[in-house]
PDB file of N, CA and C in Angstrom:
ATOM      1  N   MET A   1      31.063   3.223   4.555  1.00  0.00           N
ATOM      2  CA  MET A   1      30.156   4.249   5.017  1.00  0.00           C
ATOM      3  C   MET A   1      29.273   3.649   6.102  1.00  0.00           C
ATOM      4  N   GLY A   2      29.117   4.349   7.211  1.00  0.00           N
ATOM      5  CA  GLY A   2      28.305   3.877   8.321  1.00  0.00           C
ATOM      6  C   GLY A   2      26.816   4.057   8.079  1.00  0.00           C
ATOM      7  N   ARG A   3      26.046   3.489   8.954  1.00  0.00           N
ATOM      8  CA  ARG A   3      24.593   3.589   8.865  1.00  0.00           C
ATOM      9  C   ARG A   3      24.162   5.012   9.182  1.00  0.00           C
ATOM     10  N   ARG A   4      23.246   5.550   8.375  1.00  0.00           N
ATOM     11  CA  ARG A   4      22.772   6.913   8.594  1.00  0.00           C
ATOM     12  C   ARG A   4      21.545   6.874   9.491  1.00  0.00           C
ATOM     13  N   ARG A   5      21.434   7.800  10.359  1.00  0.00           N
ATOM     14  CA  ARG A   5      20.292   7.892  11.257  1.00  0.00           C
ATOM     15  C   ARG A   5      19.514   9.163  10.953  1.00  0.00           C
ATOM     16  N   PRO A   6      18.178   9.090  11.004  1.00  0.00           N
ATOM     17  CA  PRO A   6      17.386  10.308  10.780  1.00  0.00           C
ATOM     18  C   PRO A   6      17.596  11.303  11.916  1.00  0.00           C
ATOM     19  N   ARG A   7      17.381  12.554  11.620  1.00  0.00           N
ATOM     20  CA  ARG A   7      17.525  13.589  12.646  1.00  0.00           C
ATOM     21  C   ARG A   7      16.458  13.470  13.721  1.00  0.00           C
ATOM     22  N   ARG A   8      15.278  13.024  13.303  1.00  0.00           N
ATOM     23  CA  ARG A   8      14.228  12.775  14.291  1.00  0.00           C
ATOM     24  C   ARG A   8      13.652  11.401  14.000  1.00  0.00           C
ATOM     25  N   PRO A   9      13.242  10.666  15.007  1.00  0.00           N
ATOM     26  CA  PRO A   9      12.724   9.326  14.755  1.00  0.00           C
ATOM     27  C   PRO A   9      11.448   9.381  13.916  1.00  0.00           C
ATOM     28  N   PRO A  10      11.282   8.472  12.948  1.00  0.00           N
ATOM     29  CA  PRO A  10      10.062   8.480  12.143  1.00  0.00           C
ATOM     30  C   PRO A  10       8.856   8.117  12.990  1.00  0.00           C
ATOM     31  N   GLN A  11       7.720   8.720  12.650  1.00  0.00           N
ATOM     32  CA  GLN A  11       6.495   8.386  13.363  1.00  0.00           C
ATOM     33  C   GLN A  11       6.029   7.012  12.938  1.00  0.00           C
ATOM     34  N   ARG A  12       5.513   6.269  13.868  1.00  0.00           N
ATOM     35  CA  ARG A  12       5.008   4.939  13.548  1.00  0.00           C
ATOM     36  C   ARG A  12       3.681   5.107  12.814  1.00  0.00           C
ATOM     37  N   ARG A  13       3.601   4.573  11.610  1.00  0.00           N
ATOM     38  CA  ARG A  13       2.412   4.720  10.771  1.00  0.00           C
ATOM     39  C   ARG A  13       1.651   3.418  10.612  1.00  0.00           C
ATOM     40  N   HIS A  14       1.921   2.434  11.471  1.00  0.00           N
ATOM     41  CA  HIS A  14       1.182   1.180  11.398  1.00  0.00           C
ATOM     42  C   HIS A  14       1.161   0.522  12.772  1.00  0.00           C
ATOM     43  N   HIS A  15       0.240  -0.400  12.948  1.00  0.00           N
ATOM     44  CA  HIS A  15       0.266  -1.268  14.118  1.00  0.00           C
ATOM     45  C   HIS A  15      -0.281  -2.634  13.722  1.00  0.00           C
ATOM     46  N   ARG A  16       0.166  -3.649  14.440  1.00  0.00           N
ATOM     47  CA  ARG A  16      -0.207  -5.029  14.143  1.00  0.00           C
ATOM     48  C   ARG A  16      -0.878  -5.670  15.334  1.00  0.00           C
ATOM     49  N   LYS A  17      -1.761  -6.605  15.012  1.00  0.00           N
ATOM     50  CA  LYS A  17      -2.273  -7.561  15.974  1.00  0.00           C
ATOM     51  C   LYS A  17      -2.475  -8.841  15.183  1.00  0.00           C
ATOM     52  N   PRO A  18      -2.599  -9.992  15.806  1.00  0.00           N
ATOM     53  CA  PRO A  18      -2.659 -11.245  15.054  1.00  0.00           C
ATOM     54  C   PRO A  18      -3.697 -11.216  13.931  1.00  0.00           C
ATOM     55  N   GLY A  19      -3.227 -11.442  12.705  1.00  0.00           N
ATOM     56  CA  GLY A  19      -4.108 -11.479  11.552  1.00  0.00           C
ATOM     57  C   GLY A  19      -4.501 -10.127  10.994  1.00  0.00           C
ATOM     58  N   HIS A  20      -3.981  -9.034  11.547  1.00  0.00           N
ATOM     59  CA  HIS A  20      -4.360  -7.692  11.111  1.00  0.00           C
ATOM     60  C   HIS A  20      -3.139  -6.781  11.016  1.00  0.00           C
ATOM     61  N   LEU A  21      -3.191  -5.880  10.073  1.00  0.00           N
ATOM     62  CA  LEU A  21      -2.192  -4.830   9.944  1.00  0.00           C
ATOM     63  C   LEU A  21      -2.944  -3.553   9.595  1.00  0.00           C
ATOM     64  N   THR A  22      -2.761  -2.507  10.369  1.00  0.00           N
ATOM     65  CA  THR A  22      -3.432  -1.232  10.123  1.00  0.00           C
ATOM     66  C   THR A  22      -2.393  -0.184   9.762  1.00  0.00           C
ATOM     67  N   LEU A  23      -2.615   0.499   8.622  1.00  0.00           N
ATOM     68  CA  LEU A  23      -1.752   1.607   8.202  1.00  0.00           C
ATOM     69  C   LEU A  23      -2.479   2.905   8.467  1.00  0.00           C
ATOM     70  N   HIS A  24      -1.764   3.907   8.945  1.00  0.00           N
ATOM     71  CA  HIS A  24      -2.340   5.222   9.216  1.00  0.00           C
ATOM     72  C   HIS A  24      -1.823   6.200   8.172  1.00  0.00           C
ATOM     73  N   ALA A  25      -2.725   6.948   7.587  1.00  0.00           N
ATOM     74  CA  ALA A  25      -2.381   7.873   6.508  1.00  0.00           C
ATOM     75  C   ALA A  25      -1.490   9.004   6.994  1.00  0.00           C
ATOM     76  N   ARG A  26      -0.739   9.540   6.056  1.00  0.00           N
ATOM     77  CA  ARG A  26       0.050  10.744   6.285  1.00  0.00           C
ATOM     78  C   ARG A  26      -0.676  11.914   5.639  1.00  0.00           C
ATOM     79  N   PRO A  27      -0.288  13.139   5.951  1.00  0.00           N
ATOM     80  CA  PRO A  27      -0.854  14.287   5.237  1.00  0.00           C
ATOM     81  C   PRO A  27      -0.565  14.175   3.742  1.00  0.00           C
ATOM     82  N   ALA A  28      -1.405  14.763   2.913  1.00  0.00           N
ATOM     83  CA  ALA A  28      -1.273  14.678   1.458  1.00  0.00           C
ATOM     84  C   ALA A  28       0.054  15.240   0.955  1.00  0.00           C
ATOM     85  N   THR A  29       0.722  16.071   1.756  1.00  0.00           N
ATOM     86  CA  THR A  29       1.995  16.661   1.339  1.00  0.00           C
ATOM     87  C   THR A  29       3.169  15.693   1.513  1.00  0.00           C
ATOM     88  N   GLU A  30       2.943  14.543   2.163  1.00  0.00           N
ATOM     89  CA  GLU A  30       3.998  13.557   2.399  1.00  0.00           C
ATOM     90  C   GLU A  30       3.766  12.326   1.532  1.00  0.00           C
ATOM     91  N   PRO A  31       4.819  11.523   1.296  1.00  0.00           N
ATOM     92  CA  PRO A  31       4.639  10.292   0.516  1.00  0.00           C
ATOM     93  C   PRO A  31       3.660   9.348   1.216  1.00  0.00           C
ATOM     94  N   PRO A  32       2.970   8.494   0.451  1.00  0.00           N
ATOM     95  CA  PRO A  32       2.008   7.576   1.074  1.00  0.00           C
ATOM     96  C   PRO A  32       2.695   6.527   1.933  1.00  0.00           C
ATOM     97  N   VAL A  33       1.946   5.953   2.846  1.00  0.00           N
ATOM     98  CA  VAL A  33       2.438   4.875   3.694  1.00  0.00           C
ATOM     99  C   VAL A  33       2.438   3.598   2.862  1.00  0.00           C
ATOM    100  N   PHE A  34       3.511   2.843   2.937  1.00  0.00           N
ATOM    101  CA  PHE A  34       3.607   1.595   2.181  1.00  0.00           C
ATOM    102  C   PHE A  34       4.313   0.543   3.018  1.00  0.00           C
ATOM    103  N   ILE A  35       3.745  -0.639   3.060  1.00  0.00           N
ATOM    104  CA  ILE A  35       4.407  -1.794   3.656  1.00  0.00           C
ATOM    105  C   ILE A  35       4.282  -2.921   2.648  1.00  0.00           C
ATOM    106  N   GLY A  36       5.384  -3.554   2.312  1.00  0.00           N
ATOM    107  CA  GLY A  36       5.363  -4.641   1.339  1.00  0.00           C
ATOM    108  C   GLY A  36       5.616  -5.978   2.000  1.00  0.00           C
ATOM    109  N   ARG A  37       5.068  -7.000   1.381  1.00  0.00           N
ATOM    110  CA  ARG A  37       5.312  -8.364   1.842  1.00  0.00           C
ATOM    111  C   ARG A  37       5.453  -9.256   0.621  1.00  0.00           C
ATOM    112  N   ARG A  38       6.470 -10.045   0.598  1.00  0.00           N
ATOM    113  CA  ARG A  38       6.710 -10.953  -0.514  1.00  0.00           C
ATOM    114  C   ARG A  38       5.731 -12.123  -0.436  1.00  0.00           C
ATOM    115  N   GLN A  39       5.063 -12.397  -1.563  1.00  0.00           N
ATOM    116  CA  GLN A  39       4.164 -13.545  -1.633  1.00  0.00           C
ATOM    117  C   GLN A  39       5.020 -14.796  -1.722  1.00  0.00           C
ATOM    118  N   GLN A  40       4.774 -15.763  -0.851  1.00  0.00           N
ATOM    119  CA  GLN A  40       5.626 -16.939  -0.775  1.00  0.00           C
ATOM    120  C   GLN A  40       5.094 -18.133  -1.563  1.00  0.00           C
ATOM    121  N   HIS A  41       3.819 -18.120  -1.962  1.00  0.00           N
ATOM    122  CA  HIS A  41       3.205 -19.264  -2.626  1.00  0.00           C
ATOM    123  C   HIS A  41       2.505 -18.790  -3.901  1.00  0.00           C
ATOM    124  N   PRO A  42       2.357 -19.672  -4.904  1.00  0.00           N
ATOM    125  CA  PRO A  42       1.720 -19.258  -6.163  1.00  0.00           C
ATOM    126  C   PRO A  42       0.255 -18.856  -6.003  1.00  0.00           C
ATOM    127  N   SER A  43      -0.399 -19.326  -4.968  1.00  0.00           N
ATOM    128  CA  SER A  43      -1.812 -19.022  -4.754  1.00  0.00           C
ATOM    129  C   SER A  43      -1.992 -18.468  -3.341  1.00  0.00           C
ATOM    130  N   CYS A  44      -2.849 -17.462  -3.206  1.00  0.00           N
ATOM    131  CA  CYS A  44      -3.104 -16.914  -1.876  1.00  0.00           C
ATOM    132  C   CYS A  44      -4.457 -16.212  -1.865  1.00  0.00           C
ATOM    133  N   THR A  45      -4.962 -15.944  -0.685  1.00  0.00           N
ATOM    134  CA  THR A  45      -6.196 -15.184  -0.491  1.00  0.00           C
ATOM    135  C   THR A  45      -5.841 -13.952   0.328  1.00  0.00           C
ATOM    136  N   ILE A  46      -6.311 -12.803  -0.137  1.00  0.00           N
ATOM    137  CA  ILE A  46      -6.021 -11.548   0.559  1.00  0.00           C
ATOM    138  C   ILE A  46      -7.337 -10.837   0.829  1.00  0.00           C
ATOM    139  N   ARG A  47      -7.513 -10.359   2.042  1.00  0.00           N
ATOM    140  CA  ARG A  47      -8.675  -9.544   2.393  1.00  0.00           C
ATOM    141  C   ARG A  47      -8.172  -8.224   2.930  1.00  0.00           C
ATOM    142  N   ALA A  48      -8.876  -7.158   2.571  1.00  0.00           N
ATOM    143  CA  ALA A  48      -8.481  -5.836   3.056  1.00  0.00           C
ATOM    144  C   ALA A  48      -9.724  -5.001   3.314  1.00  0.00           C
ATOM    145  N   ALA A  49      -9.697  -4.256   4.389  1.00  0.00           N
ATOM    146  CA  ALA A  49     -10.724  -3.255   4.670  1.00  0.00           C
ATOM    147  C   ALA A  49     -10.026  -1.907   4.588  1.00  0.00           C
ATOM    148  N   VAL A  50     -10.555  -1.026   3.768  1.00  0.00           N
ATOM    149  CA  VAL A  50      -9.930   0.287   3.582  1.00  0.00           C
ATOM    150  C   VAL A  50     -10.913   1.361   4.026  1.00  0.00           C
ATOM    151  N   ASP A  51     -10.519   2.166   4.984  1.00  0.00           N
ATOM    152  CA  ASP A  51     -11.326   3.295   5.428  1.00  0.00           C
ATOM    153  C   ASP A  51     -10.701   4.550   4.822  1.00  0.00           C
ATOM    154  N   ALA A  52     -11.312   5.043   3.760  1.00  0.00           N
ATOM    155  CA  ALA A  52     -10.790   6.232   3.082  1.00  0.00           C
ATOM    156  C   ALA A  52     -11.656   7.454   3.389  1.00  0.00           C
ATOM    157  N   SER A  53     -12.328   7.439   4.527  1.00  0.00           N
ATOM    158  CA  SER A  53     -13.234   8.539   4.866  1.00  0.00           C
ATOM    159  C   SER A  53     -12.499   9.857   5.094  1.00  0.00           C
ATOM    160  N   ARG A  54     -11.206   9.797   5.398  1.00  0.00           N
ATOM    161  CA  ARG A  54     -10.440  11.029   5.624  1.00  0.00           C
ATOM    162  C   ARG A  54      -9.401  11.261   4.540  1.00  0.00           C
ATOM    163  N   GLY A  55      -9.622  10.680   3.345  1.00  0.00           N
ATOM    164  CA  GLY A  55      -8.651  10.873   2.271  1.00  0.00           C
ATOM    165  C   GLY A  55      -8.759   9.779   1.240  1.00  0.00           C
ATOM    166  N   SER A  56      -7.662   9.073   0.997  1.00  0.00           N
ATOM    167  CA  SER A  56      -7.663   7.987   0.018  1.00  0.00           C
ATOM    168  C   SER A  56      -6.869   6.818   0.576  1.00  0.00           C
ATOM    169  N   GLY A  57      -7.062   5.671  -0.048  1.00  0.00           N
ATOM    170  CA  GLY A  57      -6.339   4.478   0.377  1.00  0.00           C
ATOM    171  C   GLY A  57      -6.479   3.421  -0.685  1.00  0.00           C
ATOM    172  N   GLY A  58      -5.773   2.324  -0.518  1.00  0.00           N
ATOM    173  CA  GLY A  58      -5.886   1.273  -1.510  1.00  0.00           C
ATOM    174  C   GLY A  58      -5.014   0.088  -1.205  1.00  0.00           C
ATOM    175  N   LEU A  59      -4.989  -0.814  -2.174  1.00  0.00           N
ATOM    176  CA  LEU A  59      -4.245  -2.058  -2.070  1.00  0.00           C
ATOM    177  C   LEU A  59      -3.635  -2.339  -3.434  1.00  0.00           C
ATOM    178  N   ALA A  60      -2.379  -2.735  -3.474  1.00  0.00           N
ATOM    179  CA  ALA A  60      -1.722  -3.059  -4.736  1.00  0.00           C
ATOM    180  C   ALA A  60      -1.007  -4.391  -4.619  1.00  0.00           C
ATOM    181  N   LEU A  61      -1.134  -5.200  -5.646  1.00  0.00           N
ATOM    182  CA  LEU A  61      -0.364  -6.428  -5.795  1.00  0.00           C
ATOM    183  C   LEU A  61       0.594  -6.158  -6.937  1.00  0.00           C
ATOM    184  N   ARG A  62       1.874  -6.159  -6.641  1.00  0.00           N
ATOM    185  CA  ARG A  62       2.864  -5.687  -7.610  1.00  0.00           C
ATOM    186  C   ARG A  62       3.976  -6.702  -7.788  1.00  0.00           C
ATOM    187  N   MET A  63       4.267  -7.013  -9.048  1.00  0.00           N
ATOM    188  CA  MET A  63       5.425  -7.850  -9.343  1.00  0.00           C
ATOM    189  C   MET A  63       6.615  -6.960  -9.723  1.00  0.00           C
ATOM    190  N   ASP A  64       6.362  -5.972 -10.593  1.00  0.00           N
ATOM    191  CA  ASP A  64       7.364  -4.993 -10.990  1.00  0.00           C
ATOM    192  C   ASP A  64       6.603  -3.818 -11.610  1.00  0.00           C
ATOM    193  N   ASP A  65       7.309  -2.841 -12.200  1.00  0.00           N
ATOM    194  CA  ASP A  65       6.647  -1.665 -12.760  1.00  0.00           C
ATOM    195  C   ASP A  65       5.694  -1.992 -13.902  1.00  0.00           C
ATOM    196  N   ARG A  66       5.881  -3.122 -14.557  1.00  0.00           N
ATOM    197  CA  ARG A  66       5.056  -3.480 -15.708  1.00  0.00           C
ATOM    198  C   ARG A  66       3.954  -4.481 -15.379  1.00  0.00           C
ATOM    199  N   HIS A  67       3.902  -4.997 -14.160  1.00  0.00           N
ATOM    200  CA  HIS A  67       2.917  -6.014 -13.796  1.00  0.00           C
ATOM    201  C   HIS A  67       2.349  -5.706 -12.411  1.00  0.00           C
ATOM    202  N   LEU A  68       1.095  -5.222 -12.391  1.00  0.00           N
ATOM    203  CA  LEU A  68       0.475  -4.933 -11.103  1.00  0.00           C
ATOM    204  C   LEU A  68      -1.043  -4.890 -11.230  1.00  0.00           C
ATOM    205  N   TYR A  69      -1.693  -5.075 -10.103  1.00  0.00           N
ATOM    206  CA  TYR A  69      -3.132  -4.878  -9.936  1.00  0.00           C
ATOM    207  C   TYR A  69      -3.279  -3.909  -8.772  1.00  0.00           C
ATOM    208  N   ALA A  70      -4.083  -2.875  -8.930  1.00  0.00           N
ATOM    209  CA  ALA A  70      -4.236  -1.891  -7.862  1.00  0.00           C
ATOM    210  C   ALA A  70      -5.688  -1.437  -7.751  1.00  0.00           C
ATOM    211  N   LEU A  71      -6.146  -1.269  -6.525  1.00  0.00           N
ATOM    212  CA  LEU A  71      -7.441  -0.670  -6.228  1.00  0.00           C
ATOM    213  C   LEU A  71      -7.178   0.552  -5.379  1.00  0.00           C
ATOM    214  N   VAL A  72      -7.743   1.697  -5.772  1.00  0.00           N
ATOM    215  CA  VAL A  72      -7.579   2.941  -5.028  1.00  0.00           C
ATOM    216  C   VAL A  72      -8.952   3.503  -4.727  1.00  0.00           C
ATOM    217  N   ILE A  73      -9.161   3.886  -3.490  1.00  0.00           N
ATOM    218  CA  ILE A  73     -10.414   4.508  -3.072  1.00  0.00           C
ATOM    219  C   ILE A  73     -10.125   5.973  -2.792  1.00  0.00           C
ATOM    220  N   GLU A  74     -10.852   6.842  -3.508  1.00  0.00           N
ATOM    221  CA  GLU A  74     -10.646   8.276  -3.372  1.00  0.00           C
ATOM    222  C   GLU A  74     -11.947   8.988  -3.727  1.00  0.00           C
ATOM    223  N   ASP A  75     -12.331   9.976  -2.949  1.00  0.00           N
ATOM    224  CA  ASP A  75     -13.566  10.732  -3.183  1.00  0.00           C
ATOM    225  C   ASP A  75     -14.771   9.802  -3.329  1.00  0.00           C
ATOM    226  N   GLN A  76     -14.840   8.783  -2.480  1.00  0.00           N
ATOM    227  CA  GLN A  76     -15.945   7.822  -2.425  1.00  0.00           C
ATOM    228  C   GLN A  76     -16.111   7.038  -3.727  1.00  0.00           C
ATOM    229  N   GLN A  77     -15.066   6.905  -4.515  1.00  0.00           N
ATOM    230  CA  GLN A  77     -15.075   6.106  -5.746  1.00  0.00           C
ATOM    231  C   GLN A  77     -13.910   5.128  -5.707  1.00  0.00           C
ATOM    232  N   VAL A  78     -14.130   3.955  -6.306  1.00  0.00           N
ATOM    233  CA  VAL A  78     -13.084   2.943  -6.399  1.00  0.00           C
ATOM    234  C   VAL A  78     -12.557   2.924  -7.827  1.00  0.00           C
ATOM    235  N   HIS A  79     -11.245   3.014  -7.971  1.00  0.00           N
ATOM    236  CA  HIS A  79     -10.585   2.972  -9.276  1.00  0.00           C
ATOM    237  C   HIS A  79      -9.699   1.733  -9.309  1.00  0.00           C
ATOM    238  N   ALA A  80      -9.742   1.003 -10.401  1.00  0.00           N
ATOM    239  CA  ALA A  80      -8.892  -0.170 -10.570  1.00  0.00           C
ATOM    240  C   ALA A  80      -7.881   0.095 -11.668  1.00  0.00           C
ATOM    241  N   GLU A  81      -6.656  -0.383 -11.458  1.00  0.00           N
ATOM    242  CA  GLU A  81      -5.626  -0.287 -12.478  1.00  0.00           C
ATOM    243  C   GLU A  81      -4.991  -1.673 -12.625  1.00  0.00           C
ATOM    244  N   VAL A  82      -4.838  -2.097 -13.865  1.00  0.00           N
ATOM    245  CA  VAL A  82      -4.206  -3.374 -14.173  1.00  0.00           C
ATOM    246  C   VAL A  82      -3.114  -3.126 -15.193  1.00  0.00           C
ATOM    247  N   ARG A  83      -1.936  -3.640 -14.932  1.00  0.00           N
ATOM    248  CA  ARG A  83      -0.841  -3.584 -15.907  1.00  0.00           C
ATOM    249  C   ARG A  83      -0.318  -5.011 -16.081  1.00  0.00           C
ATOM    250  N   ILE A  84      -0.333  -5.467 -17.318  1.00  0.00           N
ATOM    251  CA  ILE A  84       0.233  -6.776 -17.637  1.00  0.00           C
ATOM    252  C   ILE A  84       1.142  -6.551 -18.836  1.00  0.00           C
ATOM    253  N   GLY A  85       2.430  -6.400 -18.585  1.00  0.00           N
ATOM    254  CA  GLY A  85       3.357  -6.077 -19.657  1.00  0.00           C
ATOM    255  C   GLY A  85       2.990  -4.748 -20.290  1.00  0.00           C
ATOM    256  N   PRO A  86       2.871  -4.695 -21.619  1.00  0.00           N
ATOM    257  CA  PRO A  86       2.561  -3.437 -22.277  1.00  0.00           C
ATOM    258  C   PRO A  86       1.067  -3.058 -22.201  1.00  0.00           C
ATOM    259  N   SER A  87       0.198  -3.975 -21.747  1.00  0.00           N
ATOM    260  CA  SER A  87      -1.244  -3.696 -21.690  1.00  0.00           C
ATOM    261  C   SER A  87      -1.612  -3.026 -20.387  1.00  0.00           C
ATOM    262  N   ARG A  88      -2.531  -2.063 -20.458  1.00  0.00           N
ATOM    263  CA  ARG A  88      -3.014  -1.356 -19.262  1.00  0.00           C
ATOM    264  C   ARG A  88      -4.504  -1.176 -19.362  1.00  0.00           C
ATOM    265  N   SER A  89      -5.148  -1.077 -18.213  1.00  0.00           N
ATOM    266  CA  SER A  89      -6.584  -0.722 -18.208  1.00  0.00           C
ATOM    267  C   SER A  89      -6.877   0.141 -17.012  1.00  0.00           C
TER     268      SER A  89
END
């Protein structure tokens, strides 16, 4: 089976400059914007600035469906979710 091409080119929802990555939100009726990067070392430092003034946004560190840390900003409130195996908070 050959490579499938979209009927229309996808809109670019991010831009990069050295040391920065900016994601642009989609309308609430579309799936959220997501870019993943594999962590290469056991220890790392991550900084993020989230502007959720026009909706919601967040940051997730995910190993799999059962192991993740997530921060979501919505309606001027920050919500945290932690999953470690069967435990959740």
